[in-house]
Amino acid sequence: MDKIAITKELFLLIVQDSAVQKLMDELDLPPDRANLFEIIDADGSGTLQITELLHGLLKIRGDLSKSDAVASLLATRAVQNMLSDFI
């Protein structure tokens, strides 16, 4: 799963999708999603691995409960499925 590298261009394309926007809203992610890539790209590589994306999103949204972890996992799977259409 971590072999997929998400570029900034692909990330920006994906976050414009209405289903992804809805998932991000449900996860209480900040509305300024155009800048999320730079925030989440912890290693500054210019790409995001799936685990890097997941950890970054979890850190941005605050405290984590079990239901939050499940919701994040499901959201990540949905994004991963959408990414597979582009790759």
PDB file of N, CA and C in Angstrom:
ATOM      1  N   MET A   1       0.827  -1.194   0.000  1.00  0.00           N
ATOM      2  CA  MET A   1       0.000   0.000   0.000  1.00  0.00           C
ATOM      3  C   MET A   1       0.868   1.253   0.000  1.00  0.00           C
ATOM      4  N   ASP A   2       2.045   1.197   0.598  1.00  0.00           N
ATOM      5  CA  ASP A   2       2.866   2.393   0.723  1.00  0.00           C
ATOM      6  C   ASP A   2       3.742   2.623  -0.506  1.00  0.00           C
ATOM      7  N   LYS A   3       3.539   1.856  -1.556  1.00  0.00           N
ATOM      8  CA  LYS A   3       4.346   2.019  -2.760  1.00  0.00           C
ATOM      9  C   LYS A   3       3.798   3.117  -3.667  1.00  0.00           C
ATOM     10  N   ILE A   4       2.602   3.586  -3.382  1.00  0.00           N
ATOM     11  CA  ILE A   4       1.999   4.642  -4.187  1.00  0.00           C
ATOM     12  C   ILE A   4       2.545   5.985  -3.721  1.00  0.00           C
ATOM     13  N   ALA A   5       3.098   6.748  -4.647  1.00  0.00           N
ATOM     14  CA  ALA A   5       3.595   8.085  -4.337  1.00  0.00           C
ATOM     15  C   ALA A   5       2.619   9.097  -4.931  1.00  0.00           C
ATOM     16  N   ILE A   6       2.086   9.949  -4.090  1.00  0.00           N
ATOM     17  CA  ILE A   6       1.100  10.940  -4.509  1.00  0.00           C
ATOM     18  C   ILE A   6       1.812  12.273  -4.704  1.00  0.00           C
ATOM     19  N   THR A   7       1.779  12.779  -5.914  1.00  0.00           N
ATOM     20  CA  THR A   7       2.387  14.078  -6.195  1.00  0.00           C
ATOM     21  C   THR A   7       1.445  15.192  -5.744  1.00  0.00           C
ATOM     22  N   LYS A   8       1.972  16.396  -5.670  1.00  0.00           N
ATOM     23  CA  LYS A   8       1.140  17.533  -5.288  1.00  0.00           C
ATOM     24  C   LYS A   8       0.025  17.745  -6.310  1.00  0.00           C
ATOM     25  N   GLU A   9       0.352  17.605  -7.582  1.00  0.00           N
ATOM     26  CA  GLU A   9      -0.649  17.795  -8.631  1.00  0.00           C
ATOM     27  C   GLU A   9      -1.789  16.791  -8.488  1.00  0.00           C
ATOM     28  N   LEU A  10      -1.442  15.534  -8.231  1.00  0.00           N
ATOM     29  CA  LEU A  10      -2.466  14.504  -8.060  1.00  0.00           C
ATOM     30  C   LEU A  10      -3.278  14.761  -6.798  1.00  0.00           C
ATOM     31  N   PHE A  11      -2.613  15.142  -5.720  1.00  0.00           N
ATOM     32  CA  PHE A  11      -3.297  15.452  -4.468  1.00  0.00           C
ATOM     33  C   PHE A  11      -4.320  16.564  -4.684  1.00  0.00           C
ATOM     34  N   LEU A  12      -3.900  17.640  -5.357  1.00  0.00           N
ATOM     35  CA  LEU A  12      -4.806  18.764  -5.595  1.00  0.00           C
ATOM     36  C   LEU A  12      -5.983  18.362  -6.474  1.00  0.00           C
ATOM     37  N   LEU A  13      -5.745  17.480  -7.413  1.00  0.00           N
ATOM     38  CA  LEU A  13      -6.822  16.977  -8.262  1.00  0.00           C
ATOM     39  C   LEU A  13      -7.813  16.144  -7.446  1.00  0.00           C
ATOM     40  N   ILE A  14      -7.286  15.264  -6.614  1.00  0.00           N
ATOM     41  CA  ILE A  14      -8.130  14.375  -5.813  1.00  0.00           C
ATOM     42  C   ILE A  14      -8.955  15.153  -4.792  1.00  0.00           C
ATOM     43  N   VAL A  15      -8.357  16.138  -4.119  1.00  0.00           N
ATOM     44  CA  VAL A  15      -9.104  16.851  -3.074  1.00  0.00           C
ATOM     45  C   VAL A  15     -10.212  17.730  -3.652  1.00  0.00           C
ATOM     46  N   GLN A  16     -10.239  17.913  -4.954  1.00  0.00           N
ATOM     47  CA  GLN A  16     -11.333  18.662  -5.571  1.00  0.00           C
ATOM     48  C   GLN A  16     -12.574  17.805  -5.791  1.00  0.00           C
ATOM     49  N   ASP A  17     -12.414  16.494  -5.704  1.00  0.00           N
ATOM     50  CA  ASP A  17     -13.536  15.578  -5.897  1.00  0.00           C
ATOM     51  C   ASP A  17     -14.551  15.755  -4.765  1.00  0.00           C
ATOM     52  N   SER A  18     -15.825  15.784  -5.106  1.00  0.00           N
ATOM     53  CA  SER A  18     -16.863  16.034  -4.098  1.00  0.00           C
ATOM     54  C   SER A  18     -16.925  14.935  -3.040  1.00  0.00           C
ATOM     55  N   ALA A  19     -16.680  13.686  -3.418  1.00  0.00           N
ATOM     56  CA  ALA A  19     -16.696  12.594  -2.434  1.00  0.00           C
ATOM     57  C   ALA A  19     -15.539  12.744  -1.447  1.00  0.00           C
ATOM     58  N   VAL A  20     -14.384  13.152  -1.942  1.00  0.00           N
ATOM     59  CA  VAL A  20     -13.228  13.367  -1.072  1.00  0.00           C
ATOM     60  C   VAL A  20     -13.485  14.575  -0.172  1.00  0.00           C
ATOM     61  N   GLN A  21     -14.078  15.625  -0.727  1.00  0.00           N
ATOM     62  CA  GLN A  21     -14.423  16.803   0.074  1.00  0.00           C
ATOM     63  C   GLN A  21     -15.360  16.419   1.219  1.00  0.00           C
ATOM     64  N   LYS A  22     -16.338  15.576   0.914  1.00  0.00           N
ATOM     65  CA  LYS A  22     -17.289  15.135   1.940  1.00  0.00           C
ATOM     66  C   LYS A  22     -16.570  14.354   3.038  1.00  0.00           C
ATOM     67  N   LEU A  23     -15.678  13.443   2.640  1.00  0.00           N
ATOM     68  CA  LEU A  23     -14.910  12.678   3.631  1.00  0.00           C
ATOM     69  C   LEU A  23     -14.057  13.603   4.494  1.00  0.00           C
ATOM     70  N   MET A  24     -13.437  14.580   3.869  1.00  0.00           N
ATOM     71  CA  MET A  24     -12.596  15.519   4.615  1.00  0.00           C
ATOM     72  C   MET A  24     -13.438  16.363   5.571  1.00  0.00           C
ATOM     73  N   ASP A  25     -14.641  16.726   5.140  1.00  0.00           N
ATOM     74  CA  ASP A  25     -15.548  17.459   6.025  1.00  0.00           C
ATOM     75  C   ASP A  25     -15.933  16.601   7.226  1.00  0.00           C
ATOM     76  N   GLU A  26     -16.251  15.332   6.968  1.00  0.00           N
ATOM     77  CA  GLU A  26     -16.638  14.422   8.045  1.00  0.00           C
ATOM     78  C   GLU A  26     -15.499  14.184   9.029  1.00  0.00           C
ATOM     79  N   LEU A  27     -14.271  14.292   8.552  1.00  0.00           N
ATOM     80  CA  LEU A  27     -13.103  14.116   9.416  1.00  0.00           C
ATOM     81  C   LEU A  27     -12.675  15.423  10.086  1.00  0.00           C
ATOM     82  N   ASP A  28     -13.448  16.482   9.876  1.00  0.00           N
ATOM     83  CA  ASP A  28     -13.154  17.800  10.455  1.00  0.00           C
ATOM     84  C   ASP A  28     -11.774  18.317  10.069  1.00  0.00           C
ATOM     85  N   LEU A  29     -11.415  18.105   8.820  1.00  0.00           N
ATOM     86  CA  LEU A  29     -10.145  18.638   8.334  1.00  0.00           C
ATOM     87  C   LEU A  29     -10.326  20.106   7.979  1.00  0.00           C
ATOM     88  N   PRO A  30      -9.268  20.893   8.084  1.00  0.00           N
ATOM     89  CA  PRO A  30      -9.385  22.325   7.806  1.00  0.00           C
ATOM     90  C   PRO A  30      -9.878  22.586   6.385  1.00  0.00           C
ATOM     91  N   PRO A  31     -10.640  23.659   6.203  1.00  0.00           N
ATOM     92  CA  PRO A  31     -11.192  23.953   4.874  1.00  0.00           C
ATOM     93  C   PRO A  31     -10.146  24.386   3.849  1.00  0.00           C
ATOM     94  N   ASP A  32      -8.989  24.854   4.291  1.00  0.00           N
ATOM     95  CA  ASP A  32      -7.930  25.285   3.371  1.00  0.00           C
ATOM     96  C   ASP A  32      -7.141  24.062   2.909  1.00  0.00           C
ATOM     97  N   ARG A  33      -7.723  23.303   2.014  1.00  0.00           N
ATOM     98  CA  ARG A  33      -7.143  22.015   1.622  1.00  0.00           C
ATOM     99  C   ARG A  33      -6.069  22.141   0.555  1.00  0.00           C
ATOM    100  N   ALA A  34      -5.973  23.283  -0.077  1.00  0.00           N
ATOM    101  CA  ALA A  34      -4.944  23.477  -1.098  1.00  0.00           C
ATOM    102  C   ALA A  34      -3.549  23.481  -0.475  1.00  0.00           C
ATOM    103  N   ASN A  35      -3.446  23.845   0.795  1.00  0.00           N
ATOM    104  CA  ASN A  35      -2.145  23.897   1.468  1.00  0.00           C
ATOM    105  C   ASN A  35      -1.847  22.654   2.298  1.00  0.00           C
ATOM    106  N   LEU A  36      -2.760  21.704   2.324  1.00  0.00           N
ATOM    107  CA  LEU A  36      -2.553  20.501   3.134  1.00  0.00           C
ATOM    108  C   LEU A  36      -1.348  19.690   2.671  1.00  0.00           C
ATOM    109  N   PHE A  37      -1.099  19.669   1.373  1.00  0.00           N
ATOM    110  CA  PHE A  37       0.006  18.853   0.865  1.00  0.00           C
ATOM    111  C   PHE A  37       1.318  19.239   1.531  1.00  0.00           C
ATOM    112  N   GLU A  38       1.617  20.530   1.559  1.00  0.00           N
ATOM    113  CA  GLU A  38       2.873  20.986   2.160  1.00  0.00           C
ATOM    114  C   GLU A  38       2.926  20.679   3.652  1.00  0.00           C
ATOM    115  N   ILE A  39       1.793  20.763   4.306  1.00  0.00           N
ATOM    116  CA  ILE A  39       1.737  20.480   5.741  1.00  0.00           C
ATOM    117  C   ILE A  39       1.987  19.000   6.003  1.00  0.00           C
ATOM    118  N   ILE A  40       1.392  18.151   5.182  1.00  0.00           N
ATOM    119  CA  ILE A  40       1.480  16.705   5.393  1.00  0.00           C
ATOM    120  C   ILE A  40       2.802  16.124   4.902  1.00  0.00           C
ATOM    121  N   ASP A  41       3.427  16.738   3.914  1.00  0.00           N
ATOM    122  CA  ASP A  41       4.685  16.229   3.350  1.00  0.00           C
ATOM    123  C   ASP A  41       5.815  16.435   4.359  1.00  0.00           C
ATOM    124  N   ALA A  42       5.796  15.611   5.385  1.00  0.00           N
ATOM    125  CA  ALA A  42       6.703  15.770   6.523  1.00  0.00           C
ATOM    126  C   ALA A  42       8.172  15.677   6.136  1.00  0.00           C
ATOM    127  N   ASP A  43       8.491  14.816   5.191  1.00  0.00           N
ATOM    128  CA  ASP A  43       9.898  14.643   4.823  1.00  0.00           C
ATOM    129  C   ASP A  43      10.339  15.586   3.709  1.00  0.00           C
ATOM    130  N   GLY A  44       9.420  16.401   3.202  1.00  0.00           N
ATOM    131  CA  GLY A  44       9.760  17.379   2.175  1.00  0.00           C
ATOM    132  C   GLY A  44      10.153  16.769   0.840  1.00  0.00           C
ATOM    133  N   SER A  45       9.709  15.544   0.588  1.00  0.00           N
ATOM    134  CA  SER A  45      10.099  14.833  -0.632  1.00  0.00           C
ATOM    135  C   SER A  45       9.361  15.305  -1.878  1.00  0.00           C
ATOM    136  N   GLY A  46       8.255  16.011  -1.687  1.00  0.00           N
ATOM    137  CA  GLY A  46       7.455  16.430  -2.835  1.00  0.00           C
ATOM    138  C   GLY A  46       6.422  15.405  -3.240  1.00  0.00           C
ATOM    139  N   THR A  47       6.407  14.272  -2.544  1.00  0.00           N
ATOM    140  CA  THR A  47       5.384  13.248  -2.750  1.00  0.00           C
ATOM    141  C   THR A  47       4.906  12.759  -1.388  1.00  0.00           C
ATOM    142  N   LEU A  48       3.718  12.184  -1.377  1.00  0.00           N
ATOM    143  CA  LEU A  48       3.166  11.607  -0.153  1.00  0.00           C
ATOM    144  C   LEU A  48       2.990  10.113  -0.332  1.00  0.00           C
ATOM    145  N   GLN A  49       3.450   9.364   0.645  1.00  0.00           N
ATOM    146  CA  GLN A  49       3.145   7.941   0.706  1.00  0.00           C
ATOM    147  C   GLN A  49       1.810   7.812   1.441  1.00  0.00           C
ATOM    148  N   ILE A  50       1.125   6.697   1.275  1.00  0.00           N
ATOM    149  CA  ILE A  50      -0.184   6.515   1.910  1.00  0.00           C
ATOM    150  C   ILE A  50      -0.084   6.665   3.427  1.00  0.00           C
ATOM    151  N   THR A  51       0.921   6.055   4.043  1.00  0.00           N
ATOM    152  CA  THR A  51       1.043   6.163   5.505  1.00  0.00           C
ATOM    153  C   THR A  51       1.350   7.597   5.925  1.00  0.00           C
ATOM    154  N   GLU A  52       2.160   8.289   5.148  1.00  0.00           N
ATOM    155  CA  GLU A  52       2.478   9.689   5.440  1.00  0.00           C
ATOM    156  C   GLU A  52       1.208  10.541   5.350  1.00  0.00           C
ATOM    157  N   LEU A  53       0.377  10.269   4.342  1.00  0.00           N
ATOM    158  CA  LEU A  53      -0.892  10.977   4.180  1.00  0.00           C
ATOM    159  C   LEU A  53      -1.809  10.707   5.365  1.00  0.00           C
ATOM    160  N   LEU A  54      -1.954   9.446   5.725  1.00  0.00           N
ATOM    161  CA  LEU A  54      -2.832   9.072   6.834  1.00  0.00           C
ATOM    162  C   LEU A  54      -2.370   9.701   8.144  1.00  0.00           C
ATOM    163  N   HIS A  55      -1.095   9.578   8.459  1.00  0.00           N
ATOM    164  CA  HIS A  55      -0.577  10.157   9.702  1.00  0.00           C
ATOM    165  C   HIS A  55      -0.735  11.673   9.715  1.00  0.00           C
ATOM    166  N   GLY A  56      -0.484  12.303   8.585  1.00  0.00           N
ATOM    167  CA  GLY A  56      -0.632  13.752   8.501  1.00  0.00           C
ATOM    168  C   GLY A  56      -2.064  14.199   8.724  1.00  0.00           C
ATOM    169  N   LEU A  57      -3.005  13.504   8.100  1.00  0.00           N
ATOM    170  CA  LEU A  57      -4.418  13.860   8.265  1.00  0.00           C
ATOM    171  C   LEU A  57      -4.867  13.659   9.708  1.00  0.00           C
ATOM    172  N   LEU A  58      -4.398  12.586  10.328  1.00  0.00           N
ATOM    173  CA  LEU A  58      -4.767  12.333  11.722  1.00  0.00           C
ATOM    174  C   LEU A  58      -4.215  13.411  12.650  1.00  0.00           C
ATOM    175  N   LYS A  59      -3.010  13.874  12.385  1.00  0.00           N
ATOM    176  CA  LYS A  59      -2.409  14.913  13.227  1.00  0.00           C
ATOM    177  C   LYS A  59      -3.132  16.245  13.068  1.00  0.00           C
ATOM    178  N   ILE A  60      -3.566  16.530  11.871  1.00  0.00           N
ATOM    179  CA  ILE A  60      -4.226  17.808  11.601  1.00  0.00           C
ATOM    180  C   ILE A  60      -5.566  17.913  12.308  1.00  0.00           C
ATOM    181  N   ARG A  61      -6.262  16.812  12.413  1.00  0.00           N
ATOM    182  CA  ARG A  61      -7.622  16.892  12.933  1.00  0.00           C
ATOM    183  C   ARG A  61      -7.717  16.792  14.440  1.00  0.00           C
ATOM    184  N   GLY A  62      -6.663  16.545  15.138  1.00  0.00           N
ATOM    185  CA  GLY A  62      -6.707  16.592  16.595  1.00  0.00           C
ATOM    186  C   GLY A  62      -6.758  15.225  17.246  1.00  0.00           C
ATOM    187  N   ASP A  63      -7.351  15.180  18.453  1.00  0.00           N
ATOM    188  CA  ASP A  63      -7.399  13.950  19.241  1.00  0.00           C
ATOM    189  C   ASP A  63      -8.094  12.834  18.477  1.00  0.00           C
ATOM    190  N   LEU A  64      -7.658  11.628  18.750  1.00  0.00           N
ATOM    191  CA  LEU A  64      -8.109  10.467  18.010  1.00  0.00           C
ATOM    192  C   LEU A  64      -8.880   9.516  18.914  1.00  0.00           C
ATOM    193  N   SER A  65     -10.044   9.106  18.463  1.00  0.00           N
ATOM    194  CA  SER A  65     -10.792   8.063  19.157  1.00  0.00           C
ATOM    195  C   SER A  65     -10.825   6.842  18.246  1.00  0.00           C
ATOM    196  N   LYS A  66     -11.321   5.730  18.750  1.00  0.00           N
ATOM    197  CA  LYS A  66     -11.370   4.514  17.949  1.00  0.00           C
ATOM    198  C   LYS A  66     -12.225   4.724  16.697  1.00  0.00           C
ATOM    199  N   SER A  67     -13.352   5.384  16.844  1.00  0.00           N
ATOM    200  CA  SER A  67     -14.211   5.628  15.683  1.00  0.00           C
ATOM    201  C   SER A  67     -13.531   6.555  14.676  1.00  0.00           C
ATOM    202  N   ASP A  68     -12.723   7.488  15.172  1.00  0.00           N
ATOM    203  CA  ASP A  68     -11.968   8.359  14.273  1.00  0.00           C
ATOM    204  C   ASP A  68     -10.966   7.552  13.459  1.00  0.00           C
ATOM    205  N   ALA A  69     -10.306   6.605  14.116  1.00  0.00           N
ATOM    206  CA  ALA A  69      -9.321   5.773  13.423  1.00  0.00           C
ATOM    207  C   ALA A  69      -9.991   4.947  12.334  1.00  0.00           C
ATOM    208  N   VAL A  70     -11.151   4.396  12.639  1.00  0.00           N
ATOM    209  CA  VAL A  70     -11.883   3.606  11.647  1.00  0.00           C
ATOM    210  C   VAL A  70     -12.331   4.498  10.495  1.00  0.00           C
ATOM    211  N   ALA A  71     -12.851   5.670  10.811  1.00  0.00           N
ATOM    212  CA  ALA A  71     -13.289   6.598   9.765  1.00  0.00           C
ATOM    213  C   ALA A  71     -12.118   7.014   8.885  1.00  0.00           C
ATOM    214  N   SER A  72     -10.972   7.257   9.499  1.00  0.00           N
ATOM    215  CA  SER A  72      -9.790   7.645   8.727  1.00  0.00           C
ATOM    216  C   SER A  72      -9.320   6.513   7.831  1.00  0.00           C
ATOM    217  N   LEU A  73      -9.361   5.303   8.350  1.00  0.00           N
ATOM    218  CA  LEU A  73      -8.974   4.149   7.540  1.00  0.00           C
ATOM    219  C   LEU A  73      -9.904   4.005   6.339  1.00  0.00           C
ATOM    220  N   LEU A  74     -11.194   4.138   6.570  1.00  0.00           N
ATOM    221  CA  LEU A  74     -12.157   4.033   5.472  1.00  0.00           C
ATOM    222  C   LEU A  74     -11.961   5.165   4.460  1.00  0.00           C
ATOM    223  N   ALA A  75     -11.699   6.353   4.952  1.00  0.00           N
ATOM    224  CA  ALA A  75     -11.461   7.482   4.051  1.00  0.00           C
ATOM    225  C   ALA A  75     -10.200   7.256   3.233  1.00  0.00           C
ATOM    226  N   THR A  76      -9.164   6.731   3.874  1.00  0.00           N
ATOM    227  CA  THR A  76      -7.919   6.452   3.166  1.00  0.00           C
ATOM    228  C   THR A  76      -8.133   5.404   2.093  1.00  0.00           C
ATOM    229  N   ARG A  77      -8.904   4.388   2.402  1.00  0.00           N
ATOM    230  CA  ARG A  77      -9.207   3.361   1.397  1.00  0.00           C
ATOM    231  C   ARG A  77      -9.970   3.953   0.221  1.00  0.00           C
ATOM    232  N   ALA A  78     -10.904   4.846   0.513  1.00  0.00           N
ATOM    233  CA  ALA A  78     -11.670   5.480  -0.563  1.00  0.00           C
ATOM    234  C   ALA A  78     -10.753   6.310  -1.455  1.00  0.00           C
ATOM    235  N   VAL A  79      -9.854   7.059  -0.839  1.00  0.00           N
ATOM    236  CA  VAL A  79      -8.909   7.869  -1.615  1.00  0.00           C
ATOM    237  C   VAL A  79      -7.976   6.964  -2.407  1.00  0.00           C
ATOM    238  N   GLN A  80      -7.537   5.874  -1.786  1.00  0.00           N
ATOM    239  CA  GLN A  80      -6.653   4.937  -2.473  1.00  0.00           C
ATOM    240  C   GLN A  80      -7.355   4.347  -3.699  1.00  0.00           C
ATOM    241  N   ASN A  81      -8.619   4.006  -3.566  1.00  0.00           N
ATOM    242  CA  ASN A  81      -9.373   3.486  -4.707  1.00  0.00           C
ATOM    243  C   ASN A  81      -9.486   4.527  -5.811  1.00  0.00           C
ATOM    244  N   MET A  82      -9.690   5.774  -5.423  1.00  0.00           N
ATOM    245  CA  MET A  82      -9.773   6.840  -6.419  1.00  0.00           C
ATOM    246  C   MET A  82      -8.422   7.034  -7.102  1.00  0.00           C
ATOM    247  N   LEU A  83      -7.345   6.934  -6.330  1.00  0.00           N
ATOM    248  CA  LEU A  83      -6.007   7.091  -6.893  1.00  0.00           C
ATOM    249  C   LEU A  83      -5.691   6.001  -7.902  1.00  0.00           C
ATOM    250  N   SER A  84      -6.169   4.802  -7.632  1.00  0.00           N
ATOM    251  CA  SER A  84      -5.876   3.702  -8.550  1.00  0.00           C
ATOM    252  C   SER A  84      -6.475   3.964  -9.928  1.00  0.00           C
ATOM    253  N   ASP A  85      -7.524   4.769  -9.996  1.00  0.00           N
ATOM    254  CA  ASP A  85      -8.101   5.137 -11.287  1.00  0.00           C
ATOM    255  C   ASP A  85      -7.185   6.077 -12.071  1.00  0.00           C
ATOM    256  N   PHE A  86      -6.364   6.849 -11.363  1.00  0.00           N
ATOM    257  CA  PHE A  86      -5.483   7.820 -12.005  1.00  0.00           C
ATOM    258  C   PHE A  86      -4.120   7.231 -12.349  1.00  0.00           C
ATOM    259  N   ILE A  87      -3.751   6.168 -11.653  1.00  0.00           N
ATOM    260  CA  ILE A  87      -2.405   5.608 -11.832  1.00  0.00           C
ATOM    261  C   ILE A  87      -2.423   4.494 -12.846  1.00  0.00           C
TER     262      ILE A  87
END
